[in-house]
Amino acid sequence: MNTALSKAQLPGELLREVARLYTRAQRAVAECCRTSTTQCHLLVELGRSGPLPLNEIGARLSLEKSWVSRAVEGLVERGWATKEPNPLDARSWLVTLTADGEERVRELNATLDNHAARVLEHLSERDRASVEKSLLILLKALREDIDIASCCPAPQASARTKVGKSCC
């Protein structure tokens, strides 16, 4: 995709490019804070939600169990989280932030918020207010879009394999 702004860009293309660039920048900021991207996601999710079973963390972040396990072990080693048997399900582990982990989440959120503020500083006050209003509207729409799978095309049988395929 051309990096120059184009009025012909489709809204979906524009949203993907904004999300891609912003995510890449936020990852770089988190890594500067000596936190891997995966650890950052886990810390922020645990800070937002409170204690979670290991498998729930993986489901929320769309991460494989092995990735989550390794990242949680890293958090435990750094003293940012504990991993204990889940009192509601003996087959799973419950991950909880420690006081140091909660402080780390506050530091990460402040750093990431400061980065976002620096990005928005490039806009006029009027444009910034417009972007903030648009982001609230977009957030509401995303939270209401519970049937994400419906946007994927239905699997179509291949003439050679007779197996359904989908991009999703």
N, C-alpha and C. Protein backbone atom coordinates (compact mmCIF):
# COMPACT_ATOMS: atom_id res chain seq x y z
N MET A 1 0.84 -1.19 0.00
CA MET A 1 0.00 0.00 0.00
C MET A 1 0.88 1.24 0.00
N ASN A 2 0.47 2.24 -0.71
CA ASN A 2 1.19 3.51 -0.77
C ASN A 2 1.11 4.18 0.60
N THR A 3 2.25 4.67 1.08
CA THR A 3 2.26 5.31 2.40
C THR A 3 1.70 6.72 2.37
N ALA A 4 1.59 7.32 1.20
CA ALA A 4 1.00 8.66 1.09
C ALA A 4 -0.50 8.55 1.32
N LEU A 5 -1.06 9.59 1.94
CA LEU A 5 -2.50 9.59 2.16
C LEU A 5 -3.22 9.73 0.83
N SER A 6 -4.28 8.99 0.67
CA SER A 6 -5.04 9.01 -0.56
C SER A 6 -6.52 9.08 -0.24
N LYS A 7 -7.21 9.98 -0.91
CA LYS A 7 -8.66 10.09 -0.69
C LYS A 7 -9.38 8.87 -1.22
N ALA A 8 -8.73 8.10 -2.09
CA ALA A 8 -9.36 6.93 -2.68
C ALA A 8 -9.27 5.70 -1.78
N GLN A 9 -8.57 5.81 -0.65
CA GLN A 9 -8.46 4.65 0.23
C GLN A 9 -9.82 4.27 0.79
N LEU A 10 -10.06 2.98 0.83
CA LEU A 10 -11.29 2.48 1.41
C LEU A 10 -11.20 2.61 2.93
N PRO A 11 -12.32 2.81 3.61
CA PRO A 11 -12.28 2.96 5.07
C PRO A 11 -11.61 1.77 5.77
N GLY A 12 -11.87 0.56 5.31
CA GLY A 12 -11.25 -0.62 5.92
C GLY A 12 -9.75 -0.61 5.76
N GLU A 13 -9.30 -0.22 4.59
CA GLU A 13 -7.86 -0.13 4.32
C GLU A 13 -7.21 0.93 5.21
N LEU A 14 -7.87 2.04 5.34
CA LEU A 14 -7.37 3.13 6.17
C LEU A 14 -7.31 2.72 7.65
N LEU A 15 -8.38 2.07 8.13
CA LEU A 15 -8.41 1.62 9.52
C LEU A 15 -7.31 0.59 9.79
N ARG A 16 -7.11 -0.35 8.86
CA ARG A 16 -6.04 -1.35 9.03
C ARG A 16 -4.67 -0.69 9.08
N GLU A 17 -4.45 0.31 8.24
CA GLU A 17 -3.14 0.98 8.22
C GLU A 17 -2.91 1.76 9.51
N VAL A 18 -3.93 2.44 9.99
CA VAL A 18 -3.81 3.18 11.26
C VAL A 18 -3.54 2.19 12.39
N ALA A 19 -4.30 1.11 12.45
CA ALA A 19 -4.12 0.11 13.50
C ALA A 19 -2.72 -0.51 13.42
N ARG A 20 -2.26 -0.81 12.22
CA ARG A 20 -0.94 -1.42 12.04
C ARG A 20 0.17 -0.49 12.53
N LEU A 21 0.13 0.75 12.09
CA LEU A 21 1.17 1.70 12.48
C LEU A 21 1.14 2.01 13.98
N TYR A 22 -0.06 2.17 14.52
CA TYR A 22 -0.17 2.48 15.94
C TYR A 22 0.28 1.29 16.79
N THR A 23 -0.12 0.09 16.40
CA THR A 23 0.30 -1.12 17.13
C THR A 23 1.80 -1.28 17.09
N ARG A 24 2.39 -1.06 15.93
CA ARG A 24 3.85 -1.18 15.80
C ARG A 24 4.56 -0.16 16.71
N ALA A 25 4.05 1.06 16.74
CA ALA A 25 4.65 2.09 17.60
C ALA A 25 4.48 1.75 19.08
N GLN A 26 3.30 1.28 19.46
CA GLN A 26 3.07 0.92 20.86
C GLN A 26 3.95 -0.26 21.28
N ARG A 27 4.16 -1.21 20.38
CA ARG A 27 5.06 -2.34 20.70
C ARG A 27 6.48 -1.84 20.95
N ALA A 28 6.92 -0.93 20.12
CA ALA A 28 8.27 -0.39 20.29
C ALA A 28 8.39 0.34 21.62
N VAL A 29 7.36 1.09 22.00
CA VAL A 29 7.37 1.81 23.27
C VAL A 29 7.40 0.81 24.43
N ALA A 30 6.59 -0.25 24.36
CA ALA A 30 6.56 -1.26 25.42
C ALA A 30 7.91 -1.96 25.54
N GLU A 31 8.53 -2.27 24.40
CA GLU A 31 9.82 -2.95 24.43
C GLU A 31 10.91 -2.06 25.01
N CYS A 32 10.79 -0.75 24.83
CA CYS A 32 11.73 0.18 25.45
C CYS A 32 11.60 0.13 26.97
N CYS A 33 10.47 -0.32 27.46
CA CYS A 33 10.24 -0.44 28.90
C CYS A 33 10.66 -1.80 29.42
N ARG A 34 11.49 -2.51 28.65
CA ARG A 34 12.00 -3.81 29.04
C ARG A 34 10.88 -4.82 29.29
N THR A 35 9.84 -4.74 28.48
CA THR A 35 8.72 -5.67 28.56
C THR A 35 8.45 -6.19 27.16
N SER A 36 8.41 -7.51 27.00
CA SER A 36 8.10 -8.06 25.68
C SER A 36 6.66 -7.72 25.32
N THR A 37 6.35 -7.79 24.05
CA THR A 37 4.99 -7.50 23.60
C THR A 37 3.99 -8.42 24.28
N THR A 38 4.32 -9.71 24.34
CA THR A 38 3.40 -10.67 24.95
C THR A 38 3.23 -10.37 26.44
N GLN A 39 4.33 -10.08 27.15
CA GLN A 39 4.22 -9.74 28.56
C GLN A 39 3.39 -8.48 28.75
N CYS A 40 3.58 -7.52 27.89
CA CYS A 40 2.81 -6.27 27.97
C CYS A 40 1.31 -6.57 27.82
N HIS A 41 0.95 -7.39 26.82
CA HIS A 41 -0.45 -7.75 26.62
C HIS A 41 -1.02 -8.45 27.86
N LEU A 42 -0.26 -9.38 28.42
CA LEU A 42 -0.71 -10.11 29.60
C LEU A 42 -0.88 -9.18 30.79
N LEU A 43 0.11 -8.34 31.04
CA LEU A 43 0.03 -7.40 32.16
C LEU A 43 -1.19 -6.49 32.04
N VAL A 44 -1.37 -5.92 30.86
CA VAL A 44 -2.48 -4.99 30.67
C VAL A 44 -3.82 -5.71 30.81
N GLU A 45 -3.92 -6.93 30.25
CA GLU A 45 -5.18 -7.70 30.37
C GLU A 45 -5.46 -8.06 31.83
N LEU A 46 -4.44 -8.51 32.55
CA LEU A 46 -4.64 -8.84 33.97
C LEU A 46 -4.96 -7.58 34.77
N GLY A 47 -4.35 -6.46 34.43
CA GLY A 47 -4.65 -5.20 35.10
C GLY A 47 -6.08 -4.75 34.84
N ARG A 48 -6.57 -5.02 33.65
CA ARG A 48 -7.93 -4.62 33.26
C ARG A 48 -8.97 -5.57 33.87
N SER A 49 -8.65 -6.87 33.91
CA SER A 49 -9.65 -7.87 34.26
C SER A 49 -9.52 -8.46 35.65
N GLY A 50 -8.33 -8.37 36.23
CA GLY A 50 -8.10 -9.06 37.49
C GLY A 50 -7.63 -10.48 37.22
N PRO A 51 -7.54 -11.32 38.25
CA PRO A 51 -7.03 -12.68 38.09
C PRO A 51 -7.80 -13.45 37.01
N LEU A 52 -7.04 -14.21 36.21
CA LEU A 52 -7.65 -14.99 35.13
C LEU A 52 -7.01 -16.37 35.05
N PRO A 53 -7.81 -17.37 34.68
CA PRO A 53 -7.22 -18.68 34.39
C PRO A 53 -6.30 -18.58 33.17
N LEU A 54 -5.27 -19.39 33.16
CA LEU A 54 -4.29 -19.37 32.07
C LEU A 54 -4.95 -19.53 30.70
N ASN A 55 -5.91 -20.46 30.59
CA ASN A 55 -6.56 -20.69 29.29
C ASN A 55 -7.42 -19.50 28.87
N GLU A 56 -7.98 -18.77 29.82
CA GLU A 56 -8.79 -17.58 29.49
C GLU A 56 -7.90 -16.47 28.95
N ILE A 57 -6.70 -16.34 29.51
CA ILE A 57 -5.76 -15.34 29.01
C ILE A 57 -5.45 -15.64 27.54
N GLY A 58 -5.17 -16.90 27.24
CA GLY A 58 -4.89 -17.29 25.86
C GLY A 58 -6.05 -17.00 24.93
N ALA A 59 -7.26 -17.29 25.39
CA ALA A 59 -8.45 -17.03 24.56
C ALA A 59 -8.64 -15.54 24.32
N ARG A 60 -8.47 -14.73 25.35
CA ARG A 60 -8.67 -13.29 25.21
C ARG A 60 -7.64 -12.64 24.31
N LEU A 61 -6.41 -13.17 24.34
CA LEU A 61 -5.33 -12.56 23.57
C LEU A 61 -5.04 -13.31 22.27
N SER A 62 -5.82 -14.36 22.00
CA SER A 62 -5.62 -15.19 20.80
C SER A 62 -4.19 -15.70 20.71
N LEU A 63 -3.70 -16.25 21.83
CA LEU A 63 -2.35 -16.77 21.89
C LEU A 63 -2.39 -18.26 22.22
N GLU A 64 -1.44 -18.99 21.66
CA GLU A 64 -1.30 -20.41 21.95
C GLU A 64 -0.96 -20.60 23.42
N LYS A 65 -1.40 -21.73 23.98
CA LYS A 65 -1.17 -22.03 25.39
C LYS A 65 0.32 -21.97 25.74
N SER A 66 1.18 -22.48 24.84
CA SER A 66 2.62 -22.49 25.13
C SER A 66 3.18 -21.07 25.23
N TRP A 67 2.70 -20.15 24.38
CA TRP A 67 3.14 -18.75 24.44
C TRP A 67 2.72 -18.13 25.76
N VAL A 68 1.47 -18.38 26.14
CA VAL A 68 0.95 -17.81 27.37
C VAL A 68 1.73 -18.36 28.57
N SER A 69 1.95 -19.67 28.58
CA SER A 69 2.68 -20.30 29.69
C SER A 69 4.07 -19.70 29.85
N ARG A 70 4.79 -19.56 28.73
CA ARG A 70 6.14 -18.98 28.80
C ARG A 70 6.11 -17.54 29.29
N ALA A 71 5.16 -16.76 28.75
CA ALA A 71 5.07 -15.36 29.16
C ALA A 71 4.71 -15.23 30.63
N VAL A 72 3.78 -16.06 31.10
CA VAL A 72 3.40 -16.02 32.51
C VAL A 72 4.58 -16.41 33.38
N GLU A 73 5.34 -17.43 32.97
CA GLU A 73 6.53 -17.82 33.74
C GLU A 73 7.50 -16.64 33.84
N GLY A 74 7.64 -15.89 32.76
CA GLY A 74 8.49 -14.69 32.77
C GLY A 74 7.98 -13.64 33.75
N LEU A 75 6.66 -13.48 33.81
CA LEU A 75 6.07 -12.52 34.77
C LEU A 75 6.30 -12.99 36.20
N VAL A 76 6.15 -14.29 36.42
CA VAL A 76 6.36 -14.85 37.75
C VAL A 76 7.82 -14.66 38.18
N GLU A 77 8.75 -14.96 37.25
CA GLU A 77 10.18 -14.79 37.56
C GLU A 77 10.53 -13.36 37.91
N ARG A 78 9.87 -12.39 37.30
CA ARG A 78 10.14 -10.99 37.57
C ARG A 78 9.39 -10.48 38.79
N GLY A 79 8.55 -11.33 39.38
CA GLY A 79 7.80 -10.93 40.56
C GLY A 79 6.56 -10.11 40.25
N TRP A 80 6.11 -10.16 39.00
CA TRP A 80 4.95 -9.36 38.60
C TRP A 80 3.64 -10.12 38.68
N ALA A 81 3.70 -11.45 38.80
CA ALA A 81 2.48 -12.25 38.84
C ALA A 81 2.73 -13.52 39.65
N THR A 82 1.63 -14.11 40.07
CA THR A 82 1.68 -15.43 40.69
C THR A 82 0.83 -16.37 39.86
N LYS A 83 1.17 -17.65 39.93
CA LYS A 83 0.41 -18.68 39.22
C LYS A 83 0.10 -19.76 40.25
N GLU A 84 -1.18 -19.94 40.52
CA GLU A 84 -1.59 -20.88 41.55
C GLU A 84 -2.74 -21.73 41.03
N PRO A 85 -2.96 -22.89 41.64
CA PRO A 85 -4.10 -23.71 41.22
C PRO A 85 -5.40 -22.90 41.31
N ASN A 86 -6.24 -23.06 40.31
CA ASN A 86 -7.50 -22.34 40.25
C ASN A 86 -8.48 -22.99 41.25
N PRO A 87 -8.97 -22.23 42.23
CA PRO A 87 -9.89 -22.82 43.21
C PRO A 87 -11.22 -23.26 42.60
N LEU A 88 -11.56 -22.73 41.42
CA LEU A 88 -12.83 -23.09 40.76
C LEU A 88 -12.68 -24.24 39.77
N ASP A 89 -11.42 -24.57 39.41
CA ASP A 89 -11.17 -25.64 38.44
C ASP A 89 -9.78 -26.20 38.70
N ALA A 90 -9.71 -27.34 39.35
CA ALA A 90 -8.44 -27.92 39.75
C ALA A 90 -7.54 -28.26 38.57
N ARG A 91 -8.10 -28.28 37.35
CA ARG A 91 -7.29 -28.62 36.17
C ARG A 91 -6.59 -27.40 35.57
N SER A 92 -6.82 -26.22 36.12
CA SER A 92 -6.24 -25.02 35.52
C SER A 92 -5.49 -24.18 36.55
N TRP A 93 -4.74 -23.21 36.03
CA TRP A 93 -3.97 -22.29 36.86
C TRP A 93 -4.63 -20.92 36.83
N LEU A 94 -4.55 -20.23 37.94
CA LEU A 94 -5.06 -18.86 38.04
C LEU A 94 -3.87 -17.92 38.13
N VAL A 95 -3.85 -16.92 37.25
CA VAL A 95 -2.75 -15.96 37.21
C VAL A 95 -3.25 -14.65 37.83
N THR A 96 -2.46 -14.14 38.78
CA THR A 96 -2.82 -12.92 39.51
C THR A 96 -1.63 -11.98 39.53
N LEU A 97 -1.88 -10.70 39.34
CA LEU A 97 -0.80 -9.72 39.46
C LEU A 97 -0.40 -9.56 40.92
N THR A 98 0.88 -9.38 41.15
CA THR A 98 1.38 -9.02 42.47
C THR A 98 1.29 -7.49 42.59
N ALA A 99 1.63 -6.96 43.76
CA ALA A 99 1.67 -5.50 43.93
C ALA A 99 2.67 -4.89 42.96
N ASP A 100 3.84 -5.55 42.77
CA ASP A 100 4.82 -5.07 41.80
C ASP A 100 4.26 -5.13 40.38
N GLY A 101 3.49 -6.17 40.08
CA GLY A 101 2.87 -6.29 38.77
C GLY A 101 1.85 -5.19 38.52
N GLU A 102 1.07 -4.87 39.54
CA GLU A 102 0.09 -3.78 39.41
C GLU A 102 0.80 -2.46 39.17
N GLU A 103 1.92 -2.25 39.86
CA GLU A 103 2.72 -1.03 39.65
C GLU A 103 3.26 -1.02 38.22
N ARG A 104 3.71 -2.16 37.74
CA ARG A 104 4.24 -2.27 36.37
C ARG A 104 3.16 -1.93 35.36
N VAL A 105 1.94 -2.38 35.60
CA VAL A 105 0.81 -2.07 34.70
C VAL A 105 0.58 -0.56 34.69
N ARG A 106 0.59 0.07 35.85
CA ARG A 106 0.41 1.53 35.91
C ARG A 106 1.50 2.24 35.12
N GLU A 107 2.75 1.78 35.28
CA GLU A 107 3.87 2.39 34.54
C GLU A 107 3.71 2.20 33.03
N LEU A 108 3.36 0.98 32.62
CA LEU A 108 3.16 0.71 31.19
C LEU A 108 2.03 1.56 30.62
N ASN A 109 0.90 1.58 31.33
CA ASN A 109 -0.23 2.38 30.84
C ASN A 109 0.14 3.85 30.73
N ALA A 110 0.87 4.38 31.71
CA ALA A 110 1.28 5.78 31.66
C ALA A 110 2.20 6.02 30.47
N THR A 111 3.15 5.12 30.24
CA THR A 111 4.07 5.26 29.11
C THR A 111 3.33 5.18 27.78
N LEU A 112 2.43 4.21 27.66
CA LEU A 112 1.66 4.06 26.42
C LEU A 112 0.70 5.24 26.21
N ASP A 113 0.10 5.73 27.30
CA ASP A 113 -0.77 6.90 27.20
C ASP A 113 0.02 8.15 26.78
N ASN A 114 1.23 8.30 27.32
CA ASN A 114 2.07 9.43 26.93
C ASN A 114 2.43 9.36 25.44
N HIS A 115 2.68 8.15 24.96
CA HIS A 115 2.96 7.99 23.52
C HIS A 115 1.75 8.41 22.71
N ALA A 116 0.57 7.96 23.11
CA ALA A 116 -0.65 8.33 22.39
C ALA A 116 -0.85 9.84 22.40
N ALA A 117 -0.59 10.47 23.54
CA ALA A 117 -0.73 11.93 23.63
C ALA A 117 0.24 12.63 22.67
N ARG A 118 1.48 12.10 22.58
CA ARG A 118 2.46 12.68 21.64
C ARG A 118 1.99 12.56 20.20
N VAL A 119 1.38 11.43 19.87
CA VAL A 119 0.85 11.25 18.51
C VAL A 119 -0.24 12.28 18.25
N LEU A 120 -1.16 12.43 19.20
CA LEU A 120 -2.29 13.35 19.02
C LEU A 120 -1.88 14.81 19.06
N GLU A 121 -0.71 15.12 19.64
CA GLU A 121 -0.22 16.50 19.67
C GLU A 121 0.00 17.07 18.28
N HIS A 122 0.17 16.21 17.30
CA HIS A 122 0.39 16.65 15.92
C HIS A 122 -0.90 17.17 15.27
N LEU A 123 -2.01 17.00 15.96
CA LEU A 123 -3.30 17.43 15.42
C LEU A 123 -3.71 18.76 16.04
N SER A 124 -4.50 19.50 15.29
CA SER A 124 -5.07 20.72 15.87
C SER A 124 -6.05 20.32 16.97
N GLU A 125 -6.39 21.26 17.82
CA GLU A 125 -7.33 20.97 18.91
C GLU A 125 -8.67 20.47 18.35
N ARG A 126 -9.11 21.09 17.27
CA ARG A 126 -10.38 20.69 16.64
C ARG A 126 -10.29 19.27 16.08
N ASP A 127 -9.19 18.96 15.37
CA ASP A 127 -9.02 17.62 14.81
C ASP A 127 -8.87 16.58 15.92
N ARG A 128 -8.17 16.94 16.98
CA ARG A 128 -7.99 16.01 18.11
C ARG A 128 -9.35 15.68 18.71
N ALA A 129 -10.20 16.68 18.91
CA ALA A 129 -11.54 16.44 19.46
C ALA A 129 -12.35 15.56 18.50
N SER A 130 -12.20 15.80 17.22
CA SER A 130 -12.91 14.99 16.22
C SER A 130 -12.43 13.54 16.23
N VAL A 131 -11.11 13.35 16.34
CA VAL A 131 -10.56 11.99 16.40
C VAL A 131 -11.03 11.28 17.66
N GLU A 132 -10.99 11.96 18.78
CA GLU A 132 -11.44 11.35 20.03
C GLU A 132 -12.91 10.95 19.95
N LYS A 133 -13.74 11.81 19.38
CA LYS A 133 -15.16 11.48 19.22
C LYS A 133 -15.32 10.28 18.28
N SER A 134 -14.58 10.27 17.20
CA SER A 134 -14.65 9.15 16.25
C SER A 134 -14.18 7.85 16.89
N LEU A 135 -13.14 7.92 17.71
CA LEU A 135 -12.64 6.72 18.38
C LEU A 135 -13.68 6.16 19.35
N LEU A 136 -14.40 7.02 20.05
CA LEU A 136 -15.46 6.56 20.94
C LEU A 136 -16.58 5.88 20.16
N ILE A 137 -16.93 6.45 19.02
CA ILE A 137 -17.96 5.85 18.17
C ILE A 137 -17.48 4.49 17.64
N LEU A 138 -16.23 4.43 17.20
CA LEU A 138 -15.66 3.19 16.69
C LEU A 138 -15.58 2.14 17.80
N LEU A 139 -15.17 2.52 18.99
CA LEU A 139 -15.10 1.60 20.12
C LEU A 139 -16.47 1.00 20.40
N LYS A 140 -17.49 1.83 20.39
CA LYS A 140 -18.86 1.35 20.63
C LYS A 140 -19.26 0.34 19.55
N ALA A 141 -18.95 0.65 18.31
CA ALA A 141 -19.30 -0.25 17.20
C ALA A 141 -18.55 -1.58 17.33
N LEU A 142 -17.27 -1.52 17.68
CA LEU A 142 -16.50 -2.76 17.84
C LEU A 142 -17.02 -3.60 18.99
N ARG A 143 -17.41 -2.97 20.08
CA ARG A 143 -17.94 -3.72 21.22
C ARG A 143 -19.29 -4.35 20.90
N GLU A 144 -20.04 -3.74 20.00
CA GLU A 144 -21.34 -4.28 19.62
C GLU A 144 -21.24 -5.35 18.54
N ASP A 145 -20.09 -5.45 17.88
CA ASP A 145 -19.90 -6.40 16.79
C ASP A 145 -19.51 -7.76 17.36
N ILE A 146 -20.49 -8.48 17.90
CA ILE A 146 -20.18 -9.75 18.53
C ILE A 146 -20.08 -10.90 17.54
N ASP A 147 -20.56 -10.72 16.33
CA ASP A 147 -20.55 -11.79 15.33
C ASP A 147 -19.44 -11.56 14.32
N ILE A 148 -18.20 -11.51 14.80
CA ILE A 148 -17.06 -11.23 13.94
C ILE A 148 -16.91 -12.28 12.85
N ALA A 149 -17.20 -13.55 13.16
CA ALA A 149 -17.03 -14.63 12.19
C ALA A 149 -17.92 -14.43 10.97
N SER A 150 -19.01 -13.67 11.09
CA SER A 150 -19.92 -13.50 9.95
C SER A 150 -19.28 -12.71 8.81
N CYS A 151 -18.17 -12.01 9.08
CA CYS A 151 -17.53 -11.24 8.01
C CYS A 151 -16.62 -12.12 7.16
N CYS A 152 -16.38 -13.35 7.60
CA CYS A 152 -15.54 -14.27 6.83
C CYS A 152 -16.40 -14.95 5.79
N PRO A 153 -15.88 -15.11 4.58
CA PRO A 153 -16.66 -15.80 3.55
C PRO A 153 -16.88 -17.25 3.94
N ALA A 154 -18.00 -17.79 3.52
CA ALA A 154 -18.29 -19.19 3.80
C ALA A 154 -17.28 -20.07 3.09
N PRO A 155 -16.88 -21.17 3.73
CA PRO A 155 -15.93 -22.08 3.06
C PRO A 155 -16.51 -22.59 1.76
N GLN A 156 -15.66 -22.65 0.74
CA GLN A 156 -16.08 -23.15 -0.56
C GLN A 156 -15.30 -24.41 -0.87
N ALA A 157 -15.98 -25.41 -1.38
CA ALA A 157 -15.32 -26.67 -1.71
C ALA A 157 -14.41 -26.47 -2.91
N SER A 158 -13.21 -26.98 -2.81
CA SER A 158 -12.26 -26.94 -3.91
C SER A 158 -12.58 -28.08 -4.86
N ALA A 159 -12.48 -27.84 -6.12
CA ALA A 159 -12.77 -28.88 -7.12
C ALA A 159 -11.80 -30.05 -6.98
N ARG A 160 -10.55 -29.77 -6.56
CA ARG A 160 -9.55 -30.83 -6.46
C ARG A 160 -9.62 -31.55 -5.13
N THR A 161 -9.87 -30.83 -4.03
CA THR A 161 -9.78 -31.44 -2.72
C THR A 161 -11.14 -31.78 -2.12
N LYS A 162 -12.19 -31.15 -2.61
CA LYS A 162 -13.53 -31.31 -2.06
C LYS A 162 -13.59 -30.96 -0.57
N VAL A 163 -12.64 -30.14 -0.12
CA VAL A 163 -12.61 -29.70 1.27
C VAL A 163 -12.90 -28.21 1.30
N GLY A 164 -13.71 -27.78 2.25
CA GLY A 164 -14.01 -26.36 2.37
C GLY A 164 -12.81 -25.57 2.80
N LYS A 165 -12.63 -24.38 2.22
CA LYS A 165 -11.51 -23.51 2.58
C LYS A 165 -12.07 -22.12 2.83
N SER A 166 -11.45 -21.44 3.75
CA SER A 166 -11.81 -20.07 4.07
C SER A 166 -10.53 -19.33 4.46
N CYS A 167 -10.55 -18.03 4.31
CA CYS A 167 -9.39 -17.25 4.72
C CYS A 167 -9.34 -17.11 6.24
N CYS A 168 -10.39 -17.42 6.91
CA CYS A 168 -10.47 -17.22 8.37
C CYS A 168 -10.03 -18.45 9.13
